[in-house]
Amino acid sequence: MNKLLLASAISIALVGSVHANEESGTYDFDNEKDHQFITFKISHLGYSWVYGRFNEFDGQFVYDAENPQNNSVNVTIDTASVDTNHAERDKHLRTEDLLHAGEYPQASFKSKRVELDDEGEADIIGDLTLRGVTREVTLDAEMIGHGKDPWGGYRMGFEAETELRLEDFGIPMNLGKASETVEIIISVEGIRQ
């Protein structure tokens, strides 16, 4: 599950659909976490789903409408902030069986490139570091929208998702065949600096 959270953080990368009124620039994630989420879901024994989120994360993306090769994203996640709405399970997720948050308090994603398609969607390819293991992952991303906000700023939002295999990031606990992968969904809103 911890890996999912990291992957989610990666999904936040920029998608580069080019429209005349899009605003290029550097965007910091909104400090108010009520408009953005890094969430995950993983099967529970093949019978139901466990949903969770990371409550503490930060990041920044660069969006360049005219030169999409310049698009980038960086995300850091506080692994101890994992929250599945079940205190005992969250405590276990933080242990060396899973996220090992005491030894690896942060997960991170750093994009290497963004590949655009003709429909304005993008693959954000980058390095996800989780539990001390770094692997290349791909986030399927799309721009949700952008524009001026009521406070004089300019905002842009993206949603991305990916799927991670727990064993690829050194998570030793075997949760069974149905729980080998975790789905990560990232929804972020950036404020142009």
C-alpha atoms as a PDB file:
ATOM      1  CA  MET A   1       0.000   0.000   0.000  1.00  0.00           C
ATOM      2  CA  ASN A   2       2.832   2.345   0.779  1.00  0.00           C
ATOM      3  CA  LYS A   3       4.107   1.945  -2.738  1.00  0.00           C
ATOM      4  CA  LEU A   4       0.730   2.969  -4.053  1.00  0.00           C
ATOM      5  CA  LEU A   5       0.887   6.162  -2.163  1.00  0.00           C
ATOM      6  CA  LEU A   6       4.218   7.015  -3.684  1.00  0.00           C
ATOM      7  CA  ALA A   7       2.983   6.155  -7.090  1.00  0.00           C
ATOM      8  CA  SER A   8       0.082   8.403  -6.475  1.00  0.00           C
ATOM      9  CA  ALA A   9       2.414  11.199  -5.647  1.00  0.00           C
ATOM     10  CA  ILE A  10       4.086  10.645  -9.074  1.00  0.00           C
ATOM     11  CA  SER A  11       0.833  10.823 -10.909  1.00  0.00           C
ATOM     12  CA  ILE A  12       0.577  14.489 -10.146  1.00  0.00           C
ATOM     13  CA  ALA A  13       2.916  15.265 -13.022  1.00  0.00           C
ATOM     14  CA  LEU A  14       1.922  17.631 -15.816  1.00  0.00           C
ATOM     15  CA  VAL A  15      -0.080  16.724 -18.824  1.00  0.00           C
ATOM     16  CA  GLY A  16       0.463  19.014 -21.766  1.00  0.00           C
ATOM     17  CA  SER A  17      -2.656  19.624 -23.812  1.00  0.00           C
ATOM     18  CA  VAL A  18      -1.921  22.762 -25.787  1.00  0.00           C
ATOM     19  CA  HIS A  19      -4.582  25.491 -25.911  1.00  0.00           C
ATOM     20  CA  ALA A  20      -4.049  29.164 -26.645  1.00  0.00           C
ATOM     21  CA  ASN A  21      -5.132  30.345 -23.191  1.00  0.00           C
ATOM     22  CA  GLU A  22      -3.150  27.856 -21.079  1.00  0.00           C
ATOM     23  CA  GLU A  23      -0.683  29.451 -18.728  1.00  0.00           C
ATOM     24  CA  SER A  24       2.843  28.110 -18.589  1.00  0.00           C
ATOM     25  CA  GLY A  25       4.851  28.386 -15.409  1.00  0.00           C
ATOM     26  CA  THR A  26       5.891  26.783 -12.152  1.00  0.00           C
ATOM     27  CA  TYR A  27       3.069  25.600  -9.895  1.00  0.00           C
ATOM     28  CA  ASP A  28       3.315  24.706  -6.215  1.00  0.00           C
ATOM     29  CA  PHE A  29       0.807  22.256  -4.780  1.00  0.00           C
ATOM     30  CA  ASP A  30      -1.965  24.022  -2.900  1.00  0.00           C
ATOM     31  CA  ASN A  31      -1.152  24.008   0.835  1.00  0.00           C
ATOM     32  CA  GLU A  32      -4.829  23.449   1.540  1.00  0.00           C
ATOM     33  CA  LYS A  33      -5.103  19.684   1.160  1.00  0.00           C
ATOM     34  CA  ASP A  34      -8.887  19.782   0.735  1.00  0.00           C
ATOM     35  CA  HIS A  35      -8.476  20.208  -3.041  1.00  0.00           C
ATOM     36  CA  GLN A  36      -5.960  17.445  -3.694  1.00  0.00           C
ATOM     37  CA  PHE A  37      -5.409  13.844  -2.774  1.00  0.00           C
ATOM     38  CA  ILE A  38      -2.994  10.962  -3.054  1.00  0.00           C
ATOM     39  CA  THR A  39      -5.153   7.887  -2.645  1.00  0.00           C
ATOM     40  CA  PHE A  40      -4.805   4.160  -3.152  1.00  0.00           C
ATOM     41  CA  LYS A  41      -6.826   0.991  -3.174  1.00  0.00           C
ATOM     42  CA  ILE A  42      -5.759  -2.595  -2.716  1.00  0.00           C
ATOM     43  CA  SER A  43      -7.718  -5.815  -2.625  1.00  0.00           C
ATOM     44  CA  HIS A  44      -8.509  -7.360   0.747  1.00  0.00           C
ATOM     45  CA  LEU A  45      -8.234 -11.126   0.197  1.00  0.00           C
ATOM     46  CA  GLY A  46      -9.991 -10.753  -3.141  1.00  0.00           C
ATOM     47  CA  TYR A  47     -13.327 -10.048  -1.402  1.00  0.00           C
ATOM     48  CA  SER A  48     -13.356  -6.280  -0.994  1.00  0.00           C
ATOM     49  CA  TRP A  49     -11.189  -3.164  -1.266  1.00  0.00           C
ATOM     50  CA  VAL A  50      -9.170  -1.248   1.285  1.00  0.00           C
ATOM     51  CA  TYR A  51      -9.020   2.454   0.401  1.00  0.00           C
ATOM     52  CA  GLY A  52      -6.508   4.851   1.874  1.00  0.00           C
ATOM     53  CA  ARG A  53      -4.699   8.109   1.424  1.00  0.00           C
ATOM     54  CA  PHE A  54      -1.592   9.993   2.416  1.00  0.00           C
ATOM     55  CA  ASN A  55      -2.499  13.072   4.396  1.00  0.00           C
ATOM     56  CA  GLU A  56       0.879  14.868   4.149  1.00  0.00           C
ATOM     57  CA  PHE A  57       2.597  15.489   0.822  1.00  0.00           C
ATOM     58  CA  ASP A  58       4.096  18.381  -1.103  1.00  0.00           C
ATOM     59  CA  GLY A  59       5.232  19.047  -4.618  1.00  0.00           C
ATOM     60  CA  GLN A  60       5.709  21.297  -7.567  1.00  0.00           C
ATOM     61  CA  PHE A  61       5.248  21.006 -11.308  1.00  0.00           C
ATOM     62  CA  VAL A  62       6.428  22.970 -14.312  1.00  0.00           C
ATOM     63  CA  TYR A  63       3.975  23.328 -17.172  1.00  0.00           C
ATOM     64  CA  ASP A  64       5.169  24.621 -20.543  1.00  0.00           C
ATOM     65  CA  ALA A  65       2.358  24.592 -23.136  1.00  0.00           C
ATOM     66  CA  GLU A  66       4.630  25.458 -26.062  1.00  0.00           C
ATOM     67  CA  ASN A  67       7.512  23.161 -25.096  1.00  0.00           C
ATOM     68  CA  PRO A  68       6.013  20.067 -23.410  1.00  0.00           C
ATOM     69  CA  GLN A  69       9.464  18.478 -23.185  1.00  0.00           C
ATOM     70  CA  ASN A  70      10.118  21.000 -20.384  1.00  0.00           C
ATOM     71  CA  ASN A  71       7.210  19.723 -18.269  1.00  0.00           C
ATOM     72  CA  SER A  72       8.234  18.156 -14.981  1.00  0.00           C
ATOM     73  CA  VAL A  73       6.936  17.161 -11.572  1.00  0.00           C
ATOM     74  CA  ASN A  74       8.477  16.522  -8.158  1.00  0.00           C
ATOM     75  CA  VAL A  75       6.541  15.081  -5.225  1.00  0.00           C
ATOM     76  CA  THR A  76       7.434  14.079  -1.673  1.00  0.00           C
ATOM     77  CA  ILE A  77       5.139  12.055   0.586  1.00  0.00           C
ATOM     78  CA  ASP A  78       5.252  11.599   4.340  1.00  0.00           C
ATOM     79  CA  THR A  79       4.818   7.823   4.577  1.00  0.00           C
ATOM     80  CA  ALA A  80       3.761   7.985   8.246  1.00  0.00           C
ATOM     81  CA  SER A  81       0.722  10.017   7.175  1.00  0.00           C
ATOM     82  CA  VAL A  82      -0.931   6.922   5.672  1.00  0.00           C
ATOM     83  CA  ASP A  83      -4.618   6.862   6.608  1.00  0.00           C
ATOM     84  CA  THR A  84      -7.099   4.036   5.936  1.00  0.00           C
ATOM     85  CA  ASN A  85      -9.593   5.152   8.586  1.00  0.00           C
ATOM     86  CA  HIS A  86      -8.504   2.262  10.849  1.00  0.00           C
ATOM     87  CA  ALA A  87      -5.909   3.116  13.516  1.00  0.00           C
ATOM     88  CA  GLU A  88      -4.554  -0.417  14.078  1.00  0.00           C
ATOM     89  CA  ARG A  89      -4.207  -1.116  10.371  1.00  0.00           C
ATOM     90  CA  ASP A  90      -2.473   2.248   9.841  1.00  0.00           C
ATOM     91  CA  LYS A  91      -0.066   1.420  12.646  1.00  0.00           C
ATOM     92  CA  HIS A  92       0.773  -1.868  10.915  1.00  0.00           C
ATOM     93  CA  LEU A  93       1.187  -0.149   7.524  1.00  0.00           C
ATOM     94  CA  ARG A  94       3.916   2.026   9.077  1.00  0.00           C
ATOM     95  CA  THR A  95       5.950  -0.993  10.270  1.00  0.00           C
ATOM     96  CA  GLU A  96       8.828  -2.784   8.542  1.00  0.00           C
ATOM     97  CA  ASP A  97       6.266  -5.283   7.157  1.00  0.00           C
ATOM     98  CA  LEU A  98       5.033  -2.636   4.744  1.00  0.00           C
ATOM     99  CA  LEU A  99       6.022   1.052   4.488  1.00  0.00           C
ATOM    100  CA  HIS A 100       8.745   0.967   7.164  1.00  0.00           C
ATOM    101  CA  ALA A 101       8.059   4.653   7.843  1.00  0.00           C
ATOM    102  CA  GLY A 102      10.535   4.822  10.742  1.00  0.00           C
ATOM    103  CA  GLU A 103      13.438   3.961   8.429  1.00  0.00           C
ATOM    104  CA  TYR A 104      12.018   5.562   5.263  1.00  0.00           C
ATOM    105  CA  PRO A 105       9.937   8.579   6.329  1.00  0.00           C
ATOM    106  CA  GLN A 106       9.561   9.926   2.801  1.00  0.00           C
ATOM    107  CA  ALA A 107       8.602   8.585  -0.591  1.00  0.00           C
ATOM    108  CA  SER A 108       9.325  10.673  -3.653  1.00  0.00           C
ATOM    109  CA  PHE A 109       8.646  10.923  -7.353  1.00  0.00           C
ATOM    110  CA  LYS A 110      10.787  12.822  -9.845  1.00  0.00           C
ATOM    111  CA  SER A 111       9.727  12.894 -13.481  1.00  0.00           C
ATOM    112  CA  LYS A 112      12.208  12.193 -16.274  1.00  0.00           C
ATOM    113  CA  ARG A 113       9.978  12.923 -19.267  1.00  0.00           C
ATOM    114  CA  VAL A 114       6.385  13.546 -20.300  1.00  0.00           C
ATOM    115  CA  GLU A 115       4.982  11.873 -23.421  1.00  0.00           C
ATOM    116  CA  LEU A 116       1.833  13.462 -24.884  1.00  0.00           C
ATOM    117  CA  ASP A 117      -0.823  11.930 -27.089  1.00  0.00           C
ATOM    118  CA  ASP A 118      -3.174  13.607 -29.564  1.00  0.00           C
ATOM    119  CA  GLU A 119      -6.025  13.783 -27.037  1.00  0.00           C
ATOM    120  CA  GLY A 120      -4.246  15.930 -24.464  1.00  0.00           C
ATOM    121  CA  GLU A 121      -3.449  13.044 -22.135  1.00  0.00           C
ATOM    122  CA  ALA A 122       0.054  12.172 -21.068  1.00  0.00           C
ATOM    123  CA  ASP A 123       2.312   9.479 -19.710  1.00  0.00           C
ATOM    124  CA  ILE A 124       4.548  10.893 -17.017  1.00  0.00           C
ATOM    125  CA  ILE A 125       7.606   8.694 -16.697  1.00  0.00           C
ATOM    126  CA  GLY A 126       9.797   9.106 -13.656  1.00  0.00           C
ATOM    127  CA  ASP A 127      11.565   7.574 -10.687  1.00  0.00           C
ATOM    128  CA  LEU A 128       9.514   6.597  -7.678  1.00  0.00           C
ATOM    129  CA  THR A 129      11.440   5.986  -4.490  1.00  0.00           C
ATOM    130  CA  LEU A 130       9.579   4.016  -1.852  1.00  0.00           C
ATOM    131  CA  ARG A 131      10.948   2.119   1.108  1.00  0.00           C
ATOM    132  CA  GLY A 132      14.462   2.918  -0.115  1.00  0.00           C
ATOM    133  CA  VAL A 133      13.874   1.337  -3.546  1.00  0.00           C
ATOM    134  CA  THR A 134      13.851   3.466  -6.712  1.00  0.00           C
ATOM    135  CA  ARG A 135      12.041   2.235  -9.812  1.00  0.00           C
ATOM    136  CA  GLU A 136      10.799   3.842 -12.986  1.00  0.00           C
ATOM    137  CA  VAL A 137       7.008   4.147 -13.096  1.00  0.00           C
ATOM    138  CA  THR A 138       4.529   5.620 -15.554  1.00  0.00           C
ATOM    139  CA  LEU A 139       1.619   7.798 -14.502  1.00  0.00           C
ATOM    140  CA  ASP A 140      -1.373   8.058 -16.813  1.00  0.00           C
ATOM    141  CA  ALA A 141      -2.337  11.720 -16.448  1.00  0.00           C
ATOM    142  CA  GLU A 142      -4.847  14.209 -17.741  1.00  0.00           C
ATOM    143  CA  MET A 143      -5.418  17.902 -17.175  1.00  0.00           C
ATOM    144  CA  ILE A 144      -8.645  18.614 -15.306  1.00  0.00           C
ATOM    145  CA  GLY A 145      -8.664  22.370 -15.852  1.00  0.00           C
ATOM    146  CA  HIS A 146      -6.928  25.686 -15.314  1.00  0.00           C
ATOM    147  CA  GLY A 147      -7.712  29.357 -14.887  1.00  0.00           C
ATOM    148  CA  LYS A 148      -7.830  32.366 -12.589  1.00  0.00           C
ATOM    149  CA  ASP A 149      -9.061  31.823  -9.055  1.00  0.00           C
ATOM    150  CA  PRO A 150     -11.201  34.246  -6.976  1.00  0.00           C
ATOM    151  CA  TRP A 151      -8.115  35.451  -5.041  1.00  0.00           C
ATOM    152  CA  GLY A 152      -6.096  36.744  -7.993  1.00  0.00           C
ATOM    153  CA  GLY A 153      -3.999  33.633  -8.587  1.00  0.00           C
ATOM    154  CA  TYR A 154      -3.844  31.137 -11.422  1.00  0.00           C
ATOM    155  CA  ARG A 155      -4.489  27.431 -10.814  1.00  0.00           C
ATOM    156  CA  MET A 156      -4.099  24.213 -12.775  1.00  0.00           C
ATOM    157  CA  GLY A 157      -5.260  20.731 -11.834  1.00  0.00           C
ATOM    158  CA  PHE A 158      -4.275  17.222 -12.934  1.00  0.00           C
ATOM    159  CA  GLU A 159      -5.311  13.688 -12.156  1.00  0.00           C
ATOM    160  CA  ALA A 160      -3.049  10.680 -12.628  1.00  0.00           C
ATOM    161  CA  GLU A 161      -3.047   7.020 -11.823  1.00  0.00           C
ATOM    162  CA  THR A 162      -0.722   4.062 -11.845  1.00  0.00           C
ATOM    163  CA  GLU A 163      -0.473   0.541 -10.524  1.00  0.00           C
ATOM    164  CA  LEU A 164       2.430  -0.773  -8.452  1.00  0.00           C
ATOM    165  CA  ARG A 165       3.582  -4.246  -7.503  1.00  0.00           C
ATOM    166  CA  LEU A 166       4.395  -4.360  -3.789  1.00  0.00           C
ATOM    167  CA  GLU A 167       7.350  -6.722  -4.214  1.00  0.00           C
ATOM    168  CA  ASP A 168       8.960  -4.337  -6.734  1.00  0.00           C
ATOM    169  CA  PHE A 169       9.540  -1.920  -3.847  1.00  0.00           C
ATOM    170  CA  GLY A 170      10.830  -4.486  -1.365  1.00  0.00           C
ATOM    171  CA  ILE A 171       7.639  -4.804   0.682  1.00  0.00           C
ATOM    172  CA  PRO A 172       8.153  -8.171   2.371  1.00  0.00           C
ATOM    173  CA  MET A 173       4.647  -8.894   3.609  1.00  0.00           C
ATOM    174  CA  ASN A 174       2.741 -11.299   1.375  1.00  0.00           C
ATOM    175  CA  LEU A 175      -0.891 -10.239   1.361  1.00  0.00           C
ATOM    176  CA  GLY A 176      -1.933 -12.979  -1.061  1.00  0.00           C
ATOM    177  CA  LYS A 177      -2.345 -13.251  -4.826  1.00  0.00           C
ATOM    178  CA  ALA A 178      -5.246 -10.778  -5.007  1.00  0.00           C
ATOM    179  CA  SER A 179      -3.205  -8.106  -3.193  1.00  0.00           C
ATOM    180  CA  GLU A 180       0.044  -8.130  -5.152  1.00  0.00           C
ATOM    181  CA  THR A 181      -0.667  -4.757  -6.756  1.00  0.00           C
ATOM    182  CA  VAL A 182      -1.997  -1.458  -5.527  1.00  0.00           C
ATOM    183  CA  GLU A 183      -3.742   1.210  -7.571  1.00  0.00           C
ATOM    184  CA  ILE A 184      -2.733   4.807  -6.937  1.00  0.00           C
ATOM    185  CA  ILE A 185      -4.792   7.831  -7.902  1.00  0.00           C
ATOM    186  CA  ILE A 186      -3.390  11.331  -7.611  1.00  0.00           C
ATOM    187  CA  SER A 187      -5.443  14.468  -7.942  1.00  0.00           C
ATOM    188  CA  VAL A 188      -3.593  17.764  -7.464  1.00  0.00           C
ATOM    189  CA  GLU A 189      -4.200  21.468  -7.803  1.00  0.00           C
ATOM    190  CA  GLY A 190      -1.233  23.773  -8.331  1.00  0.00           C
ATOM    191  CA  ILE A 191      -0.961  27.527  -7.838  1.00  0.00           C
ATOM    192  CA  ARG A 192       1.280  29.355 -10.289  1.00  0.00           C
ATOM    193  CA  GLN A 193       4.207  31.124  -8.641  1.00  0.00           C
END
